[in-house]
Amino acid sequence: MQSMTKLLMRKKQLKAILRMMDSEASFQTEEGRAYANLLVKVTLIQIQIDELQKETAP
C-alpha cells in the first residue's frame, strides 16, 4: 500500500483534472467515460486513505 502523502498527492492531482472536465458529459462520449473512470480512481484512493487512517488510529 502506498504512503499517505503519495495517496493525498495523487487524489489532489486527479481532483484537479476532474475540475477541468465536463461533469455533465454523457457516458456515451469519451469525455464522459474518462470522467467516470477518474471518479472511480478518486474514490478508490479515498478508500485507501481511510484504511490507512484506521490502521494508524489507536
N, C-alpha and C. Protein backbone atom coordinates (compact mmCIF):
# COMPACT_ATOMS: atom_id res chain seq x y z
N MET A 1 0.84 -1.18 0.00
CA MET A 1 0.00 0.00 0.00
C MET A 1 0.88 1.25 0.00
N GLN A 2 0.43 2.26 -0.70
CA GLN A 2 1.22 3.47 -0.83
C GLN A 2 1.16 4.30 0.45
N SER A 3 2.12 5.20 0.57
CA SER A 3 2.14 6.04 1.75
C SER A 3 1.03 7.09 1.68
N MET A 4 0.68 7.62 2.82
CA MET A 4 -0.41 8.59 2.93
C MET A 4 -0.13 9.83 2.08
N THR A 5 1.09 10.34 2.11
CA THR A 5 1.38 11.55 1.35
C THR A 5 1.25 11.33 -0.15
N LYS A 6 1.68 10.17 -0.63
CA LYS A 6 1.55 9.87 -2.05
C LYS A 6 0.08 9.75 -2.45
N LEU A 7 -0.71 9.12 -1.59
CA LEU A 7 -2.14 8.98 -1.88
C LEU A 7 -2.83 10.34 -1.91
N LEU A 8 -2.51 11.18 -0.93
CA LEU A 8 -3.13 12.51 -0.89
C LEU A 8 -2.72 13.35 -2.10
N MET A 9 -1.46 13.24 -2.50
CA MET A 9 -0.98 13.98 -3.65
C MET A 9 -1.67 13.51 -4.93
N ARG A 10 -1.81 12.21 -5.08
CA ARG A 10 -2.47 11.65 -6.27
C ARG A 10 -3.95 12.05 -6.31
N LYS A 11 -4.59 12.03 -5.15
CA LYS A 11 -6.00 12.44 -5.08
C LYS A 11 -6.15 13.90 -5.49
N LYS A 12 -5.24 14.73 -5.01
CA LYS A 12 -5.29 16.16 -5.35
C LYS A 12 -5.12 16.36 -6.86
N GLN A 13 -4.20 15.61 -7.47
CA GLN A 13 -3.97 15.71 -8.91
C GLN A 13 -5.21 15.29 -9.69
N LEU A 14 -5.80 14.18 -9.31
CA LEU A 14 -6.99 13.69 -10.02
C LEU A 14 -8.17 14.64 -9.86
N LYS A 15 -8.33 15.22 -8.67
CA LYS A 15 -9.43 16.16 -8.46
C LYS A 15 -9.24 17.42 -9.30
N ALA A 16 -7.99 17.84 -9.49
CA ALA A 16 -7.72 19.00 -10.34
C ALA A 16 -8.13 18.70 -11.79
N ILE A 17 -7.84 17.49 -12.24
CA ILE A 17 -8.24 17.09 -13.59
C ILE A 17 -9.75 17.04 -13.70
N LEU A 18 -10.42 16.49 -12.68
CA LEU A 18 -11.88 16.40 -12.69
C LEU A 18 -12.52 17.77 -12.80
N ARG A 19 -11.94 18.77 -12.12
CA ARG A 19 -12.50 20.13 -12.16
C ARG A 19 -12.44 20.72 -13.57
N MET A 20 -11.48 20.30 -14.35
CA MET A 20 -11.34 20.83 -15.72
C MET A 20 -12.26 20.12 -16.70
N MET A 21 -12.77 18.97 -16.31
CA MET A 21 -13.61 18.19 -17.22
C MET A 21 -15.08 18.55 -17.05
N ASP A 22 -15.87 18.18 -18.04
CA ASP A 22 -17.31 18.42 -18.02
C ASP A 22 -18.00 17.32 -17.23
N SER A 23 -18.52 17.66 -16.06
CA SER A 23 -19.17 16.65 -15.22
C SER A 23 -20.53 16.25 -15.76
N GLU A 24 -21.06 17.00 -16.70
CA GLU A 24 -22.37 16.70 -17.29
C GLU A 24 -22.25 15.93 -18.61
N ALA A 25 -21.03 15.54 -18.97
CA ALA A 25 -20.83 14.82 -20.23
C ALA A 25 -21.52 13.46 -20.17
N SER A 26 -22.08 13.07 -21.29
CA SER A 26 -22.77 11.79 -21.38
C SER A 26 -21.77 10.64 -21.31
N PHE A 27 -22.20 9.53 -20.73
CA PHE A 27 -21.33 8.36 -20.67
C PHE A 27 -21.11 7.75 -22.05
N GLN A 28 -21.87 8.20 -23.02
CA GLN A 28 -21.70 7.71 -24.38
C GLN A 28 -20.57 8.42 -25.11
N THR A 29 -20.00 9.45 -24.47
CA THR A 29 -18.88 10.16 -25.06
C THR A 29 -17.59 9.72 -24.37
N GLU A 30 -16.49 9.96 -25.03
CA GLU A 30 -15.18 9.61 -24.47
C GLU A 30 -14.92 10.41 -23.19
N GLU A 31 -15.28 11.69 -23.20
CA GLU A 31 -15.04 12.52 -22.02
C GLU A 31 -15.88 12.05 -20.83
N GLY A 32 -17.10 11.63 -21.09
CA GLY A 32 -17.95 11.12 -20.02
C GLY A 32 -17.39 9.85 -19.40
N ARG A 33 -16.88 8.96 -20.24
CA ARG A 33 -16.28 7.73 -19.72
C ARG A 33 -14.99 8.03 -18.97
N ALA A 34 -14.21 8.98 -19.46
CA ALA A 34 -12.97 9.35 -18.78
C ALA A 34 -13.27 9.98 -17.43
N TYR A 35 -14.32 10.81 -17.37
CA TYR A 35 -14.73 11.43 -16.12
C TYR A 35 -15.13 10.37 -15.10
N ALA A 36 -15.93 9.40 -15.54
CA ALA A 36 -16.36 8.32 -14.65
C ALA A 36 -15.16 7.50 -14.16
N ASN A 37 -14.22 7.24 -15.06
CA ASN A 37 -13.03 6.48 -14.71
C ASN A 37 -12.22 7.21 -13.64
N LEU A 38 -12.04 8.53 -13.81
CA LEU A 38 -11.29 9.31 -12.82
C LEU A 38 -12.03 9.37 -11.50
N LEU A 39 -13.34 9.46 -11.55
CA LEU A 39 -14.14 9.50 -10.33
C LEU A 39 -13.98 8.20 -9.54
N VAL A 40 -13.92 7.08 -10.23
CA VAL A 40 -13.70 5.79 -9.57
C VAL A 40 -12.31 5.76 -8.95
N LYS A 41 -11.31 6.25 -9.66
CA LYS A 41 -9.95 6.27 -9.12
C LYS A 41 -9.86 7.11 -7.86
N VAL A 42 -10.51 8.28 -7.87
CA VAL A 42 -10.51 9.14 -6.68
C VAL A 42 -11.17 8.42 -5.51
N THR A 43 -12.26 7.75 -5.78
CA THR A 43 -12.97 7.02 -4.73
C THR A 43 -12.11 5.90 -4.16
N LEU A 44 -11.43 5.16 -5.01
CA LEU A 44 -10.57 4.08 -4.53
C LEU A 44 -9.40 4.61 -3.71
N ILE A 45 -8.85 5.73 -4.12
CA ILE A 45 -7.77 6.36 -3.35
C ILE A 45 -8.29 6.79 -1.99
N GLN A 46 -9.50 7.35 -1.95
CA GLN A 46 -10.08 7.76 -0.67
C GLN A 46 -10.29 6.56 0.24
N ILE A 47 -10.69 5.44 -0.32
CA ILE A 47 -10.86 4.22 0.47
C ILE A 47 -9.51 3.79 1.06
N GLN A 48 -8.44 3.86 0.26
CA GLN A 48 -7.12 3.51 0.76
C GLN A 48 -6.68 4.46 1.87
N ILE A 49 -6.97 5.74 1.71
CA ILE A 49 -6.63 6.73 2.74
C ILE A 49 -7.38 6.41 4.03
N ASP A 50 -8.67 6.11 3.91
CA ASP A 50 -9.46 5.76 5.09
C ASP A 50 -8.91 4.52 5.80
N GLU A 51 -8.50 3.52 5.03
CA GLU A 51 -7.93 2.30 5.61
C GLU A 51 -6.62 2.60 6.35
N LEU A 52 -5.79 3.45 5.75
CA LEU A 52 -4.53 3.82 6.42
C LEU A 52 -4.80 4.58 7.71
N GLN A 53 -5.79 5.44 7.71
CA GLN A 53 -6.13 6.20 8.91
C GLN A 53 -6.65 5.27 10.00
N LYS A 54 -7.41 4.25 9.63
CA LYS A 54 -7.91 3.28 10.61
C LYS A 54 -6.75 2.48 11.22
N GLU A 55 -5.78 2.14 10.38
CA GLU A 55 -4.64 1.36 10.86
C GLU A 55 -3.79 2.16 11.84
N THR A 56 -3.65 3.45 11.59
CA THR A 56 -2.78 4.27 12.43
C THR A 56 -3.51 4.83 13.64
N ALA A 57 -4.84 4.75 13.66
CA ALA A 57 -5.61 5.26 14.81
C ALA A 57 -5.46 4.30 15.98
N PRO A 58 -5.37 4.86 17.20
CA PRO A 58 -5.22 3.99 18.38
C PRO A 58 -6.48 3.22 18.70
